[in-house]
C-alpha atoms as a PDB file:
ATOM      1  CA  MET A   1     -11.981  19.972  17.762  1.00  0.00           C
ATOM      2  CA  MET A   2     -10.089  22.583  16.339  1.00  0.00           C
ATOM      3  CA  GLY A   3     -11.479  26.116  18.547  1.00  0.00           C
ATOM      4  CA  SER A   4      -9.808  23.891  20.863  1.00  0.00           C
ATOM      5  CA  SER A   5      -6.887  23.134  20.260  1.00  0.00           C
ATOM      6  CA  TRP A   6      -6.368  25.800  19.034  1.00  0.00           C
ATOM      7  CA  GLU A   7      -6.683  27.484  22.297  1.00  0.00           C
ATOM      8  CA  ILE A   8      -4.001  24.844  23.112  1.00  0.00           C
ATOM      9  CA  LEU A   9      -1.855  26.445  20.290  1.00  0.00           C
ATOM     10  CA  LYS A  10      -2.522  30.331  21.944  1.00  0.00           C
ATOM     11  CA  LYS A  11      -0.797  29.672  24.827  1.00  0.00           C
ATOM     12  CA  ASP A  12       1.723  27.916  23.889  1.00  0.00           C
ATOM     13  CA  LYS A  13       2.471  29.737  20.288  1.00  0.00           C
ATOM     14  CA  GLU A  14       6.448  28.790  20.107  1.00  0.00           C
ATOM     15  CA  MET A  15       5.103  25.351  18.860  1.00  0.00           C
ATOM     16  CA  ILE A  16       4.148  27.356  15.435  1.00  0.00           C
ATOM     17  CA  VAL A  17       8.410  26.971  15.150  1.00  0.00           C
ATOM     18  CA  PHE A  18       8.546  23.367  14.812  1.00  0.00           C
ATOM     19  CA  PRO A  19       6.842  23.300  11.242  1.00  0.00           C
ATOM     20  CA  ILE A  20       8.275  26.457  10.149  1.00  0.00           C
ATOM     21  CA  PHE A  21      12.101  24.651  10.715  1.00  0.00           C
ATOM     22  CA  SER A  22       9.801  21.040   9.540  1.00  0.00           C
ATOM     23  CA  GLY A  23       9.531  23.970   6.567  1.00  0.00           C
ATOM     24  CA  ILE A  24      12.851  24.877   6.050  1.00  0.00           C
ATOM     25  CA  ALA A  25      14.174  21.622   6.659  1.00  0.00           C
ATOM     26  CA  CYS A  26      12.137  19.822   4.023  1.00  0.00           C
ATOM     27  CA  LEU A  27      13.841  22.209   1.651  1.00  0.00           C
ATOM     28  CA  MET A  28      17.377  22.179   1.808  1.00  0.00           C
ATOM     29  CA  VAL A  29      16.473  18.206   2.089  1.00  0.00           C
ATOM     30  CA  MET A  30      14.853  19.273  -1.593  1.00  0.00           C
ATOM     31  CA  ALA A  31      17.399  20.600  -2.907  1.00  0.00           C
ATOM     32  CA  SER A  32      20.009  18.902  -1.805  1.00  0.00           C
ATOM     33  CA  PHE A  33      18.075  16.117  -4.045  1.00  0.00           C
ATOM     34  CA  ALA A  34      16.778  17.786  -7.344  1.00  0.00           C
ATOM     35  CA  TYR A  35      20.538  19.605  -7.640  1.00  0.00           C
ATOM     36  CA  PRO A  36      22.587  16.567  -8.294  1.00  0.00           C
ATOM     37  CA  VAL A  37      19.542  14.698  -9.724  1.00  0.00           C
ATOM     38  CA  TYR A  38      18.906  17.539 -12.428  1.00  0.00           C
ATOM     39  CA  LEU A  39      23.137  17.810 -13.210  1.00  0.00           C
ATOM     40  CA  SER A  40      23.222  14.475 -13.689  1.00  0.00           C
ATOM     41  CA  GLY A  41      20.237  14.160 -16.007  1.00  0.00           C
ATOM     42  CA  LEU A  42      18.102  10.896 -14.182  1.00  0.00           C
ATOM     43  CA  TRP A  43      15.276  13.113 -13.993  1.00  0.00           C
ATOM     44  CA  ARG A  44      14.738  12.247 -17.545  1.00  0.00           C
ATOM     45  CA  VAL A  45      14.236   8.611 -16.616  1.00  0.00           C
ATOM     46  CA  ALA A  46      10.895   9.300 -14.262  1.00  0.00           C
ATOM     47  CA  ALA A  47       9.609  10.606 -17.927  1.00  0.00           C
ATOM     48  CA  THR A  48      10.281   7.824 -19.562  1.00  0.00           C
ATOM     49  CA  ASP A  49       8.243   4.609 -20.668  1.00  0.00           C
ATOM     50  CA  SER A  50      11.680   2.553 -21.024  1.00  0.00           C
ATOM     51  CA  PRO A  51      12.011  -0.778 -20.035  1.00  0.00           C
ATOM     52  CA  ALA A  52      14.025  -0.843 -16.662  1.00  0.00           C
ATOM     53  CA  SER A  53      17.432   0.653 -16.907  1.00  0.00           C
ATOM     54  CA  ASP A  54      20.564   0.855 -14.616  1.00  0.00           C
ATOM     55  CA  GLN A  55      19.705   4.680 -14.377  1.00  0.00           C
ATOM     56  CA  HIS A  56      16.098   3.641 -13.086  1.00  0.00           C
ATOM     57  CA  ILE A  57      17.799   1.144 -10.735  1.00  0.00           C
ATOM     58  CA  VAL A  58      19.574   4.111  -9.745  1.00  0.00           C
ATOM     59  CA  PHE A  59      17.103   6.856  -9.726  1.00  0.00           C
ATOM     60  CA  TYR A  60      14.606   5.180  -7.779  1.00  0.00           C
ATOM     61  CA  GLY A  61      16.626   4.560  -5.120  1.00  0.00           C
ATOM     62  CA  ILE A  62      17.556   8.585  -5.382  1.00  0.00           C
ATOM     63  CA  LEU A  63      14.113   8.722  -5.114  1.00  0.00           C
ATOM     64  CA  PHE A  64      13.838   6.995  -2.130  1.00  0.00           C
ATOM     65  CA  LEU A  65      16.217   8.026  -0.166  1.00  0.00           C
ATOM     66  CA  PHE A  66      14.381  11.189  -0.619  1.00  0.00           C
ATOM     67  CA  TYR A  67      11.792  10.103   0.668  1.00  0.00           C
ATOM     68  CA  PHE A  68      13.146   9.078   4.028  1.00  0.00           C
ATOM     69  CA  CYS A  69      14.612  11.929   4.586  1.00  0.00           C
ATOM     70  CA  ASN A  70      11.802  14.054   4.185  1.00  0.00           C
ATOM     71  CA  TYR A  71       9.998  12.379   6.111  1.00  0.00           C
ATOM     72  CA  PHE A  72      12.464  11.662   8.932  1.00  0.00           C
ATOM     73  CA  VAL A  73      12.191  16.081   9.031  1.00  0.00           C
ATOM     74  CA  MET A  74       8.553  15.573   8.994  1.00  0.00           C
ATOM     75  CA  VAL A  75       8.249  13.135  11.424  1.00  0.00           C
ATOM     76  CA  PHE A  76      11.134  14.994  13.541  1.00  0.00           C
ATOM     77  CA  PHE A  77       9.150  17.555  13.604  1.00  0.00           C
ATOM     78  CA  ASN A  78       5.895  16.584  13.873  1.00  0.00           C
ATOM     79  CA  SER A  79       7.057  14.567  17.114  1.00  0.00           C
ATOM     80  CA  GLY A  80       7.995  18.111  19.205  1.00  0.00           C
ATOM     81  CA  ILE A  81       4.463  19.719  18.327  1.00  0.00           C
ATOM     82  CA  VAL A  82       3.237  15.984  19.855  1.00  0.00           C
ATOM     83  CA  ALA A  83       5.606  16.088  23.186  1.00  0.00           C
ATOM     84  CA  CYS A  84       4.561  19.865  23.638  1.00  0.00           C
ATOM     85  CA  ALA A  85       0.814  19.026  22.883  1.00  0.00           C
ATOM     86  CA  THR A  86       1.164  16.499  25.464  1.00  0.00           C
ATOM     87  CA  ILE A  87       2.574  18.496  28.551  1.00  0.00           C
ATOM     88  CA  ARG A  88       0.480  21.036  28.143  1.00  0.00           C
ATOM     89  CA  MET A  89      -2.496  18.294  28.130  1.00  0.00           C
ATOM     90  CA  GLN A  90      -1.031  16.883  31.836  1.00  0.00           C
ATOM     91  CA  GLY A  91      -0.656  20.768  33.286  1.00  0.00           C
ATOM     92  CA  GLY A  92       2.784  21.331  32.345  1.00  0.00           C
ATOM     93  CA  ASP A  93       4.426  24.495  30.866  1.00  0.00           C
ATOM     94  CA  PRO A  94       5.965  23.529  27.539  1.00  0.00           C
ATOM     95  CA  THR A  95       9.313  24.804  25.931  1.00  0.00           C
ATOM     96  CA  VAL A  96      10.436  24.261  22.812  1.00  0.00           C
ATOM     97  CA  SER A  97      12.894  22.716  23.952  1.00  0.00           C
ATOM     98  CA  ASP A  98      11.415  20.613  24.882  1.00  0.00           C
ATOM     99  CA  GLY A  99       9.850  19.814  22.473  1.00  0.00           C
ATOM    100  CA  LEU A 100      13.298  18.938  20.850  1.00  0.00           C
ATOM    101  CA  LYS A 101      14.467  16.821  23.627  1.00  0.00           C
ATOM    102  CA  THR A 102      12.145  14.529  23.630  1.00  0.00           C
ATOM    103  CA  ALA A 103      11.737  13.970  19.476  1.00  0.00           C
ATOM    104  CA  SER A 104      15.753  13.955  19.560  1.00  0.00           C
ATOM    105  CA  SER A 105      15.010  11.043  22.336  1.00  0.00           C
ATOM    106  CA  ARG A 106      13.618   9.811  19.698  1.00  0.00           C
ATOM    107  CA  ILE A 107      15.023   9.838  16.920  1.00  0.00           C
ATOM    108  CA  GLY A 108      15.657   5.856  16.288  1.00  0.00           C
ATOM    109  CA  LEU A 109      12.143   5.015  15.907  1.00  0.00           C
ATOM    110  CA  ILE A 110      11.680   8.136  14.315  1.00  0.00           C
ATOM    111  CA  ALA A 111      14.277   7.027  11.738  1.00  0.00           C
ATOM    112  CA  GLY A 112      12.191   4.375  11.331  1.00  0.00           C
ATOM    113  CA  TRP A 113       9.138   5.004  10.786  1.00  0.00           C
ATOM    114  CA  ALA A 114       9.982   7.292   8.091  1.00  0.00           C
ATOM    115  CA  LEU A 115      11.557   4.319   6.622  1.00  0.00           C
ATOM    116  CA  VAL A 116       7.148   2.297   6.770  1.00  0.00           C
ATOM    117  CA  LEU A 117       6.411   5.373   6.090  1.00  0.00           C
ATOM    118  CA  ALA A 118       8.995   5.890   2.989  1.00  0.00           C
ATOM    119  CA  THR A 119       8.621   2.565   2.212  1.00  0.00           C
ATOM    120  CA  VAL A 120       4.785   2.436   1.546  1.00  0.00           C
ATOM    121  CA  GLY A 121       4.865   6.272  -0.078  1.00  0.00           C
ATOM    122  CA  PHE A 122       7.670   4.385  -2.804  1.00  0.00           C
ATOM    123  CA  LEU A 123       5.372   1.627  -3.126  1.00  0.00           C
ATOM    124  CA  LEU A 124       1.932   3.442  -3.720  1.00  0.00           C
ATOM    125  CA  ARG A 125       3.808   5.942  -6.555  1.00  0.00           C
ATOM    126  CA  LEU A 126       4.656   2.418  -8.034  1.00  0.00           C
ATOM    127  CA  VAL A 127       0.660   1.136  -8.078  1.00  0.00           C
ATOM    128  CA  GLU A 128       0.198   4.717  -9.113  1.00  0.00           C
ATOM    129  CA  GLN A 129       2.920   5.244 -11.981  1.00  0.00           C
ATOM    130  CA  ARG A 130       2.019   0.762 -12.655  1.00  0.00           C
ATOM    131  CA  SER A 131      -1.342   2.412 -14.386  1.00  0.00           C
ATOM    132  CA  ARG A 132      -2.442   6.306 -14.686  1.00  0.00           C
ATOM    133  CA  LYS A 133      -6.612   6.212 -14.211  1.00  0.00           C
ATOM    134  CA  ILE A 134      -6.840   3.046 -12.216  1.00  0.00           C
ATOM    135  CA  GLY A 135      -3.794   3.188 -10.712  1.00  0.00           C
ATOM    136  CA  GLN A 136      -4.004   6.964  -9.285  1.00  0.00           C
ATOM    137  CA  ILE A 137      -7.325   5.377  -7.809  1.00  0.00           C
ATOM    138  CA  VAL A 138      -6.436   2.737  -6.277  1.00  0.00           C
ATOM    139  CA  ALA A 139      -3.101   4.444  -4.622  1.00  0.00           C
ATOM    140  CA  SER A 140      -5.736   6.714  -3.302  1.00  0.00           C
ATOM    141  CA  ILE A 141      -7.981   4.011  -1.960  1.00  0.00           C
ATOM    142  CA  LEU A 142      -4.549   2.920  -0.054  1.00  0.00           C
ATOM    143  CA  GLY A 143      -3.304   5.969   0.447  1.00  0.00           C
ATOM    144  CA  LEU A 144      -6.723   6.977   2.629  1.00  0.00           C
ATOM    145  CA  SER A 145      -6.535   3.479   4.201  1.00  0.00           C
ATOM    146  CA  TRP A 146      -3.259   4.265   5.496  1.00  0.00           C
ATOM    147  CA  SER A 147      -3.737   7.642   6.777  1.00  0.00           C
ATOM    148  CA  VAL A 148      -5.888   6.130   8.717  1.00  0.00           C
ATOM    149  CA  ALA A 149      -4.136   3.631  10.583  1.00  0.00           C
ATOM    150  CA  SER A 150      -1.044   5.181  11.389  1.00  0.00           C
ATOM    151  CA  PHE A 151      -3.347   8.413  12.755  1.00  0.00           C
ATOM    152  CA  LEU A 152      -1.665   7.838  16.268  1.00  0.00           C
ATOM    153  CA  VAL A 153       1.241   6.073  15.693  1.00  0.00           C
ATOM    154  CA  VAL A 154       3.615   9.445  16.291  1.00  0.00           C
ATOM    155  CA  PRO A 155       1.721  10.874  19.001  1.00  0.00           C
ATOM    156  CA  ILE A 156       2.538   6.762  20.374  1.00  0.00           C
ATOM    157  CA  LEU A 157       6.474   6.883  19.444  1.00  0.00           C
ATOM    158  CA  VAL A 158       6.390  10.491  21.252  1.00  0.00           C
ATOM    159  CA  THR A 159       4.791   8.947  24.475  1.00  0.00           C
ATOM    160  CA  GLU A 160       5.138   4.742  24.740  1.00  0.00           C
ATOM    161  CA  GLY A 161       8.763   4.670  22.732  1.00  0.00           C
ATOM    162  CA  ILE A 162       7.484   1.434  20.925  1.00  0.00           C
ATOM    163  CA  GLY A 163       8.574   0.364  17.473  1.00  0.00           C
ATOM    164  CA  PRO A 164       6.910   1.933  14.953  1.00  0.00           C
ATOM    165  CA  ILE A 165       5.520  -1.566  13.410  1.00  0.00           C
ATOM    166  CA  ALA A 166       3.851  -2.129  16.962  1.00  0.00           C
ATOM    167  CA  ALA A 167       3.253   1.943  17.480  1.00  0.00           C
ATOM    168  CA  LEU A 168       1.175   1.389  13.732  1.00  0.00           C
ATOM    169  CA  LYS A 169      -0.693  -1.835  14.705  1.00  0.00           C
ATOM    170  CA  GLU A 170      -1.651  -0.081  18.335  1.00  0.00           C
ATOM    171  CA  SER A 171      -2.450   3.276  16.785  1.00  0.00           C
ATOM    172  CA  ALA A 172      -4.942   0.828  14.261  1.00  0.00           C
ATOM    173  CA  SER A 173      -6.319  -1.469  17.205  1.00  0.00           C
ATOM    174  CA  LEU A 174      -7.447   1.908  18.890  1.00  0.00           C
ATOM    175  CA  LEU A 175      -9.481   3.563  16.212  1.00  0.00           C
ATOM    176  CA  LYS A 176     -10.427  -0.219  15.409  1.00  0.00           C
ATOM    177  CA  SER A 177     -11.815  -1.691  18.488  1.00  0.00           C
ATOM    178  CA  SER A 178     -12.246   0.901  20.780  1.00  0.00           C
ATOM    179  CA  TRP A 179     -13.823   4.365  18.347  1.00  0.00           C
ATOM    180  CA  GLY A 180     -14.729   2.733  14.987  1.00  0.00           C
ATOM    181  CA  GLU A 181     -13.667   3.953  11.466  1.00  0.00           C
ATOM    182  CA  GLN A 182     -14.970   7.620  10.869  1.00  0.00           C
ATOM    183  CA  LEU A 183     -11.798   9.986  12.331  1.00  0.00           C
ATOM    184  CA  ILE A 184     -10.883  11.357   9.131  1.00  0.00           C
ATOM    185  CA  GLY A 185     -14.520  11.137   8.052  1.00  0.00           C
ATOM    186  CA  ASN A 186     -15.881  13.036   9.919  1.00  0.00           C
ATOM    187  CA  PHE A 187     -12.749  15.566  10.899  1.00  0.00           C
ATOM    188  CA  SER A 188     -11.762  17.370   8.410  1.00  0.00           C
ATOM    189  CA  PHE A 189      -8.809  20.298   8.996  1.00  0.00           C
ATOM    190  CA  GLY A 190      -8.587  20.703   5.481  1.00  0.00           C
ATOM    191  CA  LEU A 191     -11.845  21.311   4.242  1.00  0.00           C
ATOM    192  CA  VAL A 192     -11.743  23.931   6.693  1.00  0.00           C
ATOM    193  CA  PHE A 193      -8.340  25.333   5.569  1.00  0.00           C
ATOM    194  CA  PHE A 194      -9.363  25.087   2.294  1.00  0.00           C
ATOM    195  CA  LEU A 195     -11.857  27.291   2.659  1.00  0.00           C
ATOM    196  CA  LEU A 196      -9.771  29.465   4.444  1.00  0.00           C
ATOM    197  CA  SER A 197      -7.229  30.205   1.848  1.00  0.00           C
ATOM    198  CA  LEU A 198     -10.008  30.748  -0.034  1.00  0.00           C
ATOM    199  CA  PRO A 199     -10.147  34.918  -0.151  1.00  0.00           C
ATOM    200  CA  ALA A 200      -5.946  34.498  -0.660  1.00  0.00           C
ATOM    201  CA  PHE A 201      -6.714  32.708  -4.517  1.00  0.00           C
ATOM    202  CA  LEU A 202      -8.977  35.059  -4.305  1.00  0.00           C
ATOM    203  CA  VAL A 203      -6.641  37.983  -3.984  1.00  0.00           C
ATOM    204  CA  ILE A 204      -4.126  36.418  -6.444  1.00  0.00           C
ATOM    205  CA  GLY A 205      -6.111  36.057  -9.566  1.00  0.00           C
ATOM    206  CA  LEU A 206      -7.888  39.889  -9.214  1.00  0.00           C
ATOM    207  CA  SER A 207      -4.735  40.902  -9.212  1.00  0.00           C
ATOM    208  CA  VAL A 208      -3.350  39.003 -11.989  1.00  0.00           C
ATOM    209  CA  HIS A 209      -6.043  40.101 -14.012  1.00  0.00           C
ATOM    210  CA  ALA A 210      -6.052  43.651 -13.405  1.00  0.00           C
ATOM    211  CA  GLY A 211      -2.243  43.752 -15.033  1.00  0.00           C
ATOM    212  CA  PHE A 212       1.124  44.803 -13.645  1.00  0.00           C
ATOM    213  CA  SER A 213       1.556  46.586 -11.380  1.00  0.00           C
ATOM    214  CA  PHE A 214       3.475  47.714  -7.608  1.00  0.00           C
ATOM    215  CA  TRP A 215       0.176  47.250  -5.689  1.00  0.00           C
ATOM    216  CA  MET A 216      -0.549  44.077  -7.680  1.00  0.00           C
ATOM    217  CA  LEU A 217       3.559  42.628  -6.305  1.00  0.00           C
ATOM    218  CA  VAL A 218       1.997  43.982  -2.782  1.00  0.00           C
ATOM    219  CA  PHE A 219      -1.642  42.384  -2.502  1.00  0.00           C
ATOM    220  CA  ILE A 220       0.236  38.842  -4.425  1.00  0.00           C
ATOM    221  CA  LEU A 221       3.414  38.635  -2.112  1.00  0.00           C
ATOM    222  CA  LEU A 222       0.550  39.161   0.780  1.00  0.00           C
ATOM    223  CA  ALA A 223      -1.937  36.540  -0.081  1.00  0.00           C
ATOM    224  CA  VAL A 224       1.080  33.943  -0.177  1.00  0.00           C
ATOM    225  CA  GLU A 225       2.122  34.644   2.963  1.00  0.00           C
ATOM    226  CA  TYR A 226      -1.030  34.244   4.984  1.00  0.00           C
ATOM    227  CA  LEU A 227      -1.491  31.375   2.618  1.00  0.00           C
ATOM    228  CA  ILE A 228       1.660  30.074   4.645  1.00  0.00           C
ATOM    229  CA  LEU A 229       0.643  31.116   8.144  1.00  0.00           C
ATOM    230  CA  LEU A 230      -2.420  28.935   7.162  1.00  0.00           C
ATOM    231  CA  ALA A 231      -0.016  25.878   6.603  1.00  0.00           C
ATOM    232  CA  LEU A 232       1.495  27.178   9.267  1.00  0.00           C
ATOM    233  CA  ILE A 233      -1.622  26.741  11.968  1.00  0.00           C
ATOM    234  CA  GLN A 234      -2.974  23.688  10.048  1.00  0.00           C
ATOM    235  CA  SER A 235       0.269  21.692   9.948  1.00  0.00           C
ATOM    236  CA  THR A 236       0.757  23.014  14.010  1.00  0.00           C
ATOM    237  CA  LEU A 237      -3.445  22.528  14.623  1.00  0.00           C
ATOM    238  CA  GLN A 238      -3.035  18.651  13.622  1.00  0.00           C
ATOM    239  CA  ALA A 239      -0.067  18.079  15.291  1.00  0.00           C
ATOM    240  CA  ILE A 240      -2.303  19.212  18.417  1.00  0.00           C
ATOM    241  CA  PHE A 241      -6.072  16.854  17.652  1.00  0.00           C
ATOM    242  CA  GLN A 242      -3.719  13.950  16.893  1.00  0.00           C
ATOM    243  CA  ALA A 243      -1.873  14.855  21.014  1.00  0.00           C
ATOM    244  CA  ALA A 244      -5.522  15.233  22.120  1.00  0.00           C
ATOM    245  CA  VAL A 245      -6.667  11.698  19.993  1.00  0.00           C
ATOM    246  CA  TYR A 246      -4.292   9.854  21.730  1.00  0.00           C
ATOM    247  CA  ALA A 247      -4.578  11.102  25.496  1.00  0.00           C
ATOM    248  CA  TYR A 248      -8.722  10.376  25.254  1.00  0.00           C
ATOM    249  CA  ALA A 249      -8.506   7.101  23.279  1.00  0.00           C
ATOM    250  CA  ARG A 250      -5.609   4.936  25.722  1.00  0.00           C
ATOM    251  CA  SER A 251      -6.885   6.640  28.846  1.00  0.00           C
ATOM    252  CA  GLY A 252     -10.551   7.296  28.295  1.00  0.00           C
ATOM    253  CA  ARG A 253     -10.326  10.842  30.557  1.00  0.00           C
ATOM    254  CA  LEU A 254     -10.610  14.425  28.946  1.00  0.00           C
ATOM    255  CA  PRO A 255      -7.433  15.591  28.392  1.00  0.00           C
ATOM    256  CA  ASP A 256      -7.245  19.494  29.483  1.00  0.00           C
ATOM    257  CA  GLY A 257      -8.708  21.631  26.893  1.00  0.00           C
ATOM    258  CA  PHE A 258     -11.371  19.768  25.707  1.00  0.00           C
ATOM    259  CA  GLN A 259     -14.168  18.948  26.205  1.00  0.00           C
ATOM    260  CA  HIS A 260     -16.499  15.078  26.283  1.00  0.00           C
ATOM    261  CA  ASP A 261     -19.236  16.470  23.492  1.00  0.00           C
ATOM    262  CA  GLU A 262     -15.789  17.154  20.448  1.00  0.00           C
ATOM    263  CA  ILE A 263     -14.256  14.240  21.094  1.00  0.00           C
ATOM    264  CA  ASN A 264     -17.918  12.654  20.858  1.00  0.00           C
ATOM    265  CA  ASP A 265     -18.619  14.203  17.209  1.00  0.00           C
ATOM    266  CA  VAL A 266     -15.018  13.237  15.283  1.00  0.00           C
ATOM    267  CA  LEU A 267     -15.266   9.287  17.092  1.00  0.00           C
ATOM    268  CA  ARG A 268     -17.849   7.055  17.689  1.00  0.00           C
ATOM    269  CA  ARG A 269     -17.635   3.601  19.553  1.00  0.00           C
ATOM    270  CA  LYS A 270     -19.009   1.052  17.985  1.00  0.00           C
END
């Protein structure tokens, strides 16, 4: 599946600009929130266990807005990748402009889904903070279940143009009724890219151990650039994969560039 997604990316290399745009925009969002929070001293609220106060309310309100803006950026540019991948799998020749136009046409739906994601993310954070050990376990379990249920939401938003709640129900229904619940467990981009990233961490570790020098800086810089490139490729391939899974789950027909055995290895009929 990763190989087939990679073949699609090779045909439309420009799709990798979407995670670049997303990363830059997320950094801008972070800076726009972090700077005023730091200047105001509100960041100290997160480190205290004192009873709720006006400062706590303000801090968590700002945190929720940060979640919303961050998710909006990520969903918007992921929608662009999904749109381009869908066009390619239908035999077309997409451009970055096609992806941006499609994402812009769904901007209201994207904002709605970002609001849902921000709410869920915020609540999971509160659960995690309630009890450090138990909260982390509960939040992890809930987070995994949420990831599985919402896996196809973005392709559904982009392709069908329905609301975020309806898209969430449709995503859960497609995965549960037709394909079983082995999706995330049977296909892990994260594991593959973790293994690919190990050489870079090894280079960084050896460079630091060797001591300060010009070549240490060069090797660390190259390793960091390699890790950034891996992250960009991983993000793009995962969005292409989502588009392929949705297309097959919805129509039962193989999208161009994918094989039947590959899909069955990932999605198992009940």
